[in-house]
Amino acid sequence: MKICVPTTGDKGLEERVYGHFGSAPYFTLVDLETAQVEVVANENEHHSHGSCHPMASLLGKDVGAVVVGGMGRRAIEILNAEKIKVYKADGETVRDLVQAYKEGKLVELSPEIACAGHGCH
């Protein structure tokens, strides 16, 4: 399974986590079985609030979880409908988040505790 972390740049495991899923410049994907890292540009980075479709950049990537600083209710619902879990980022780099995920230390986000708009995290 792969986890997806929205990031500010394309430096792989050392990259810093971006604050919000939909407007992240990049998505860093980490395969937990092979430790392979892939960085994907978010083609939907510039969007109006509530109309983002960042999963289009991740189609066919076998993402099972997203670890993020913040995400809106609708985005969580869409990901959950695709059987993708969403977790609150607790760390500064992708490496930190992968380790926390493996150790079971991340809190799963639900629509009830989602962001109400940009700036909530």
N, C-alpha and C. Protein backbone atom coordinates (compact mmCIF):
# COMPACT_ATOMS: atom_id res chain seq x y z
N MET A 1 0.84 -1.19 0.00
CA MET A 1 0.00 0.00 0.00
C MET A 1 0.88 1.25 0.00
N LYS A 2 0.35 2.29 -0.61
CA LYS A 2 1.07 3.56 -0.64
C LYS A 2 0.34 4.59 0.22
N ILE A 3 1.14 5.43 0.87
CA ILE A 3 0.56 6.59 1.54
C ILE A 3 0.94 7.82 0.72
N CYS A 4 0.07 8.79 0.76
CA CYS A 4 0.25 10.03 0.01
C CYS A 4 0.36 11.19 0.99
N VAL A 5 1.38 12.00 0.81
CA VAL A 5 1.58 13.17 1.65
C VAL A 5 1.66 14.40 0.74
N PRO A 6 0.77 15.38 0.92
CA PRO A 6 0.89 16.62 0.15
C PRO A 6 2.15 17.36 0.61
N THR A 7 2.96 17.80 -0.35
CA THR A 7 4.24 18.41 0.01
C THR A 7 4.48 19.72 -0.75
N THR A 8 5.41 20.49 -0.20
CA THR A 8 5.76 21.78 -0.78
C THR A 8 6.65 21.63 -2.01
N GLY A 9 7.41 20.56 -2.08
CA GLY A 9 8.34 20.36 -3.18
C GLY A 9 8.51 18.90 -3.52
N ASP A 10 9.57 18.59 -4.25
CA ASP A 10 9.75 17.24 -4.79
C ASP A 10 11.01 16.53 -4.28
N LYS A 11 11.36 16.77 -3.01
CA LYS A 11 12.59 16.20 -2.45
C LYS A 11 12.39 14.85 -1.77
N GLY A 12 11.28 14.18 -2.02
CA GLY A 12 11.07 12.84 -1.49
C GLY A 12 10.85 12.82 0.02
N LEU A 13 11.54 11.90 0.69
CA LEU A 13 11.33 11.71 2.13
C LEU A 13 11.72 12.91 2.97
N GLU A 14 12.60 13.75 2.47
CA GLU A 14 13.05 14.92 3.24
C GLU A 14 12.18 16.15 3.02
N GLU A 15 11.17 16.02 2.15
CA GLU A 15 10.33 17.17 1.83
C GLU A 15 9.41 17.52 2.99
N ARG A 16 9.08 18.81 3.09
CA ARG A 16 8.19 19.31 4.14
C ARG A 16 6.74 19.10 3.72
N VAL A 17 5.92 18.84 4.72
CA VAL A 17 4.49 18.62 4.52
C VAL A 17 3.82 19.95 4.20
N TYR A 18 2.94 19.94 3.21
CA TYR A 18 2.16 21.12 2.85
C TYR A 18 0.91 21.13 3.73
N GLY A 19 0.42 22.31 4.07
CA GLY A 19 -0.68 22.44 5.03
C GLY A 19 -2.03 21.92 4.60
N HIS A 20 -2.32 21.89 3.31
CA HIS A 20 -3.66 21.51 2.89
C HIS A 20 -3.58 20.61 1.66
N PHE A 21 -4.42 19.61 1.60
CA PHE A 21 -4.37 18.60 0.55
C PHE A 21 -4.58 19.17 -0.85
N GLY A 22 -5.70 19.80 -1.09
CA GLY A 22 -6.08 20.20 -2.44
C GLY A 22 -5.18 21.19 -3.11
N SER A 23 -4.55 22.08 -2.36
CA SER A 23 -3.72 23.11 -2.97
C SER A 23 -2.22 22.82 -2.87
N ALA A 24 -1.87 21.61 -2.50
CA ALA A 24 -0.46 21.24 -2.40
C ALA A 24 0.18 21.24 -3.79
N PRO A 25 1.39 21.75 -3.91
CA PRO A 25 2.07 21.73 -5.20
C PRO A 25 2.42 20.31 -5.68
N TYR A 26 2.71 19.42 -4.72
CA TYR A 26 3.11 18.05 -5.04
C TYR A 26 2.45 17.06 -4.08
N PHE A 27 2.42 15.81 -4.52
CA PHE A 27 2.05 14.69 -3.65
C PHE A 27 3.23 13.74 -3.65
N THR A 28 3.72 13.41 -2.46
CA THR A 28 4.79 12.44 -2.34
C THR A 28 4.17 11.13 -1.91
N LEU A 29 4.39 10.09 -2.71
CA LEU A 29 3.83 8.77 -2.47
C LEU A 29 4.93 7.85 -1.98
N VAL A 30 4.64 7.10 -0.92
CA VAL A 30 5.61 6.16 -0.36
C VAL A 30 4.96 4.79 -0.30
N ASP A 31 5.58 3.83 -0.97
CA ASP A 31 5.12 2.45 -0.94
C ASP A 31 5.67 1.82 0.34
N LEU A 32 4.79 1.43 1.24
CA LEU A 32 5.23 0.92 2.53
C LEU A 32 5.88 -0.45 2.44
N GLU A 33 5.61 -1.19 1.37
CA GLU A 33 6.21 -2.52 1.22
C GLU A 33 7.60 -2.46 0.59
N THR A 34 7.77 -1.59 -0.40
CA THR A 34 9.05 -1.54 -1.13
C THR A 34 9.92 -0.35 -0.75
N ALA A 35 9.36 0.61 0.00
CA ALA A 35 10.03 1.86 0.38
C ALA A 35 10.31 2.76 -0.83
N GLN A 36 9.70 2.45 -1.96
CA GLN A 36 9.86 3.27 -3.16
C GLN A 36 9.11 4.58 -2.99
N VAL A 37 9.71 5.68 -3.45
CA VAL A 37 9.14 7.02 -3.34
C VAL A 37 8.88 7.56 -4.74
N GLU A 38 7.69 8.13 -4.91
CA GLU A 38 7.32 8.77 -6.18
C GLU A 38 6.73 10.13 -5.86
N VAL A 39 7.11 11.15 -6.62
CA VAL A 39 6.57 12.49 -6.43
C VAL A 39 5.74 12.84 -7.67
N VAL A 40 4.50 13.28 -7.40
CA VAL A 40 3.55 13.61 -8.47
C VAL A 40 3.16 15.08 -8.33
N ALA A 41 3.24 15.82 -9.42
CA ALA A 41 2.80 17.22 -9.41
C ALA A 41 1.28 17.26 -9.32
N ASN A 42 0.75 18.17 -8.52
CA ASN A 42 -0.70 18.36 -8.40
C ASN A 42 -1.15 19.27 -9.55
N GLU A 43 -1.74 18.70 -10.54
CA GLU A 43 -2.20 19.46 -11.71
C GLU A 43 -3.41 20.33 -11.38
N ASN A 44 -4.00 20.14 -10.20
CA ASN A 44 -5.19 20.90 -9.80
C ASN A 44 -4.88 21.82 -8.63
N GLU A 45 -3.61 22.21 -8.49
CA GLU A 45 -3.16 23.02 -7.36
C GLU A 45 -3.92 24.34 -7.23
N HIS A 46 -4.19 24.99 -8.34
CA HIS A 46 -4.87 26.29 -8.31
C HIS A 46 -6.34 26.08 -8.64
N HIS A 47 -7.16 26.16 -7.61
CA HIS A 47 -8.59 25.94 -7.76
C HIS A 47 -9.34 26.85 -6.80
N SER A 48 -10.61 27.03 -7.05
CA SER A 48 -11.41 27.79 -6.09
C SER A 48 -11.85 26.85 -4.99
N HIS A 49 -12.04 27.39 -3.79
CA HIS A 49 -12.37 26.58 -2.63
C HIS A 49 -13.61 25.73 -2.90
N GLY A 50 -13.51 24.45 -2.56
CA GLY A 50 -14.63 23.54 -2.71
C GLY A 50 -14.73 22.90 -4.08
N SER A 51 -13.82 23.25 -4.98
CA SER A 51 -13.92 22.67 -6.32
C SER A 51 -12.62 21.99 -6.75
N CYS A 52 -11.88 21.47 -5.80
CA CYS A 52 -10.63 20.81 -6.16
C CYS A 52 -10.87 19.34 -6.51
N HIS A 53 -10.02 18.84 -7.37
CA HIS A 53 -10.08 17.45 -7.78
C HIS A 53 -8.67 16.87 -7.81
N PRO A 54 -7.95 16.95 -6.69
CA PRO A 54 -6.55 16.51 -6.70
C PRO A 54 -6.40 15.01 -6.91
N MET A 55 -7.42 14.22 -6.64
CA MET A 55 -7.28 12.79 -6.84
C MET A 55 -7.06 12.44 -8.30
N ALA A 56 -7.42 13.34 -9.21
CA ALA A 56 -7.17 13.09 -10.63
C ALA A 56 -5.67 12.88 -10.87
N SER A 57 -4.83 13.56 -10.11
CA SER A 57 -3.38 13.40 -10.23
C SER A 57 -2.90 12.07 -9.67
N LEU A 58 -3.75 11.41 -8.88
CA LEU A 58 -3.34 10.19 -8.19
C LEU A 58 -4.01 8.93 -8.73
N LEU A 59 -4.80 9.06 -9.79
CA LEU A 59 -5.50 7.90 -10.35
C LEU A 59 -4.50 6.81 -10.74
N GLY A 60 -4.84 5.58 -10.37
CA GLY A 60 -4.00 4.45 -10.72
C GLY A 60 -2.75 4.31 -9.88
N LYS A 61 -2.61 5.08 -8.82
CA LYS A 61 -1.39 5.07 -7.99
C LYS A 61 -1.50 4.14 -6.78
N ASP A 62 -2.65 3.49 -6.58
CA ASP A 62 -2.84 2.53 -5.48
C ASP A 62 -2.61 3.16 -4.10
N VAL A 63 -3.15 4.36 -3.92
CA VAL A 63 -3.03 5.06 -2.63
C VAL A 63 -4.06 4.48 -1.66
N GLY A 64 -3.60 4.12 -0.46
CA GLY A 64 -4.50 3.57 0.55
C GLY A 64 -4.73 4.52 1.71
N ALA A 65 -3.87 5.53 1.83
CA ALA A 65 -4.01 6.50 2.93
C ALA A 65 -3.39 7.83 2.51
N VAL A 66 -3.98 8.90 3.03
CA VAL A 66 -3.47 10.25 2.83
C VAL A 66 -3.15 10.80 4.21
N VAL A 67 -1.97 11.40 4.36
CA VAL A 67 -1.56 12.01 5.62
C VAL A 67 -1.42 13.49 5.34
N VAL A 68 -2.20 14.32 6.04
CA VAL A 68 -2.36 15.71 5.65
C VAL A 68 -2.50 16.64 6.85
N GLY A 69 -2.07 17.89 6.66
CA GLY A 69 -2.25 18.90 7.70
C GLY A 69 -3.70 19.28 7.87
N GLY A 70 -4.44 19.33 6.77
CA GLY A 70 -5.86 19.67 6.83
C GLY A 70 -6.56 19.30 5.55
N MET A 71 -7.86 19.03 5.68
CA MET A 71 -8.66 18.64 4.53
C MET A 71 -10.12 18.92 4.84
N GLY A 72 -10.85 19.34 3.83
CA GLY A 72 -12.27 19.63 3.99
C GLY A 72 -13.13 18.38 4.08
N ARG A 73 -14.33 18.56 4.58
CA ARG A 73 -15.28 17.45 4.78
C ARG A 73 -15.54 16.68 3.49
N ARG A 74 -15.82 17.42 2.43
CA ARG A 74 -16.17 16.77 1.16
C ARG A 74 -15.01 15.92 0.63
N ALA A 75 -13.81 16.42 0.74
CA ALA A 75 -12.64 15.67 0.27
C ALA A 75 -12.46 14.38 1.09
N ILE A 76 -12.65 14.47 2.40
CA ILE A 76 -12.55 13.27 3.24
C ILE A 76 -13.60 12.26 2.83
N GLU A 77 -14.83 12.72 2.60
CA GLU A 77 -15.91 11.81 2.19
C GLU A 77 -15.60 11.13 0.86
N ILE A 78 -15.05 11.90 -0.09
CA ILE A 78 -14.71 11.33 -1.40
C ILE A 78 -13.62 10.28 -1.26
N LEU A 79 -12.59 10.59 -0.49
CA LEU A 79 -11.50 9.63 -0.29
C LEU A 79 -11.99 8.39 0.44
N ASN A 80 -12.78 8.58 1.49
CA ASN A 80 -13.30 7.44 2.24
C ASN A 80 -14.17 6.55 1.37
N ALA A 81 -14.94 7.15 0.45
CA ALA A 81 -15.78 6.37 -0.47
C ALA A 81 -14.93 5.49 -1.39
N GLU A 82 -13.69 5.92 -1.63
CA GLU A 82 -12.74 5.14 -2.44
C GLU A 82 -11.89 4.21 -1.57
N LYS A 83 -12.28 4.07 -0.30
CA LYS A 83 -11.58 3.22 0.67
C LYS A 83 -10.17 3.72 0.98
N ILE A 84 -10.00 5.04 0.93
CA ILE A 84 -8.74 5.69 1.28
C ILE A 84 -8.93 6.39 2.62
N LYS A 85 -8.14 6.03 3.61
CA LYS A 85 -8.22 6.65 4.92
C LYS A 85 -7.41 7.94 4.93
N VAL A 86 -7.84 8.86 5.79
CA VAL A 86 -7.18 10.16 5.90
C VAL A 86 -6.69 10.33 7.33
N TYR A 87 -5.43 10.72 7.49
CA TYR A 87 -4.82 10.89 8.80
C TYR A 87 -4.27 12.30 8.96
N LYS A 88 -4.29 12.79 10.18
CA LYS A 88 -3.75 14.10 10.53
C LYS A 88 -2.22 14.01 10.60
N ALA A 89 -1.55 14.89 9.88
CA ALA A 89 -0.09 14.91 9.89
C ALA A 89 0.43 15.29 11.26
N ASP A 90 1.39 14.53 11.75
CA ASP A 90 2.04 14.82 13.01
C ASP A 90 3.54 14.67 12.79
N GLY A 91 4.13 15.69 12.18
CA GLY A 91 5.54 15.67 11.84
C GLY A 91 5.79 16.71 10.77
N GLU A 92 7.05 16.98 10.51
CA GLU A 92 7.39 18.03 9.55
C GLU A 92 7.78 17.52 8.17
N THR A 93 8.33 16.32 8.10
CA THR A 93 8.77 15.79 6.81
C THR A 93 8.00 14.51 6.47
N VAL A 94 8.10 14.12 5.21
CA VAL A 94 7.48 12.87 4.78
C VAL A 94 8.05 11.71 5.58
N ARG A 95 9.35 11.73 5.81
CA ARG A 95 9.98 10.66 6.60
C ARG A 95 9.34 10.55 7.99
N ASP A 96 9.12 11.70 8.65
CA ASP A 96 8.49 11.71 9.97
C ASP A 96 7.11 11.05 9.92
N LEU A 97 6.34 11.39 8.89
CA LEU A 97 4.97 10.89 8.79
C LEU A 97 4.92 9.40 8.46
N VAL A 98 5.83 8.95 7.62
CA VAL A 98 5.89 7.52 7.32
C VAL A 98 6.18 6.73 8.59
N GLN A 99 7.13 7.22 9.38
CA GLN A 99 7.47 6.54 10.63
C GLN A 99 6.28 6.54 11.60
N ALA A 100 5.62 7.69 11.75
CA ALA A 100 4.47 7.78 12.64
C ALA A 100 3.34 6.87 12.17
N TYR A 101 3.13 6.79 10.86
CA TYR A 101 2.09 5.90 10.31
C TYR A 101 2.42 4.45 10.65
N LYS A 102 3.66 4.04 10.41
CA LYS A 102 4.08 2.65 10.69
C LYS A 102 3.92 2.31 12.17
N GLU A 103 4.11 3.29 13.04
CA GLU A 103 4.00 3.07 14.49
C GLU A 103 2.57 3.21 14.99
N GLY A 104 1.63 3.53 14.10
CA GLY A 104 0.22 3.66 14.49
C GLY A 104 -0.06 4.89 15.34
N LYS A 105 0.73 5.94 15.17
CA LYS A 105 0.60 7.13 16.01
C LYS A 105 -0.27 8.23 15.42
N LEU A 106 -0.74 8.07 14.18
CA LEU A 106 -1.51 9.13 13.54
C LEU A 106 -3.00 8.99 13.83
N VAL A 107 -3.67 10.13 13.95
CA VAL A 107 -5.11 10.17 14.22
C VAL A 107 -5.85 10.22 12.89
N GLU A 108 -6.84 9.34 12.74
CA GLU A 108 -7.64 9.34 11.51
C GLU A 108 -8.61 10.51 11.53
N LEU A 109 -8.68 11.23 10.40
CA LEU A 109 -9.63 12.34 10.28
C LEU A 109 -10.96 11.81 9.77
N SER A 110 -12.02 12.47 10.20
CA SER A 110 -13.37 12.12 9.75
C SER A 110 -14.05 13.40 9.26
N PRO A 111 -15.14 13.27 8.51
CA PRO A 111 -15.86 14.46 8.05
C PRO A 111 -16.28 15.38 9.20
N GLU A 112 -16.53 14.82 10.37
CA GLU A 112 -16.98 15.61 11.52
C GLU A 112 -15.90 16.55 12.07
N ILE A 113 -14.63 16.23 11.83
CA ILE A 113 -13.55 17.07 12.34
C ILE A 113 -12.72 17.67 11.20
N ALA A 114 -13.34 17.82 10.06
CA ALA A 114 -12.66 18.36 8.88
C ALA A 114 -12.51 19.88 8.98
N CYS A 115 -11.66 20.40 8.10
CA CYS A 115 -11.48 21.85 7.98
C CYS A 115 -12.74 22.48 7.40
N ALA A 116 -13.02 23.68 7.83
CA ALA A 116 -14.16 24.42 7.30
C ALA A 116 -13.72 25.40 6.21
N GLY A 117 -12.42 25.53 6.00
CA GLY A 117 -11.90 26.44 4.98
C GLY A 117 -10.40 26.55 5.11
N HIS A 118 -9.75 27.16 4.13
CA HIS A 118 -8.30 27.34 4.19
C HIS A 118 -7.94 28.17 5.42
N GLY A 119 -6.82 27.85 6.03
CA GLY A 119 -6.39 28.57 7.20
C GLY A 119 -6.79 27.91 8.51
N CYS A 120 -7.37 26.71 8.45
CA CYS A 120 -7.84 26.06 9.68
C CYS A 120 -6.74 25.24 10.35
N HIS A 121 -5.54 25.21 9.78
CA HIS A 121 -4.47 24.40 10.35
C HIS A 121 -3.17 25.13 10.30
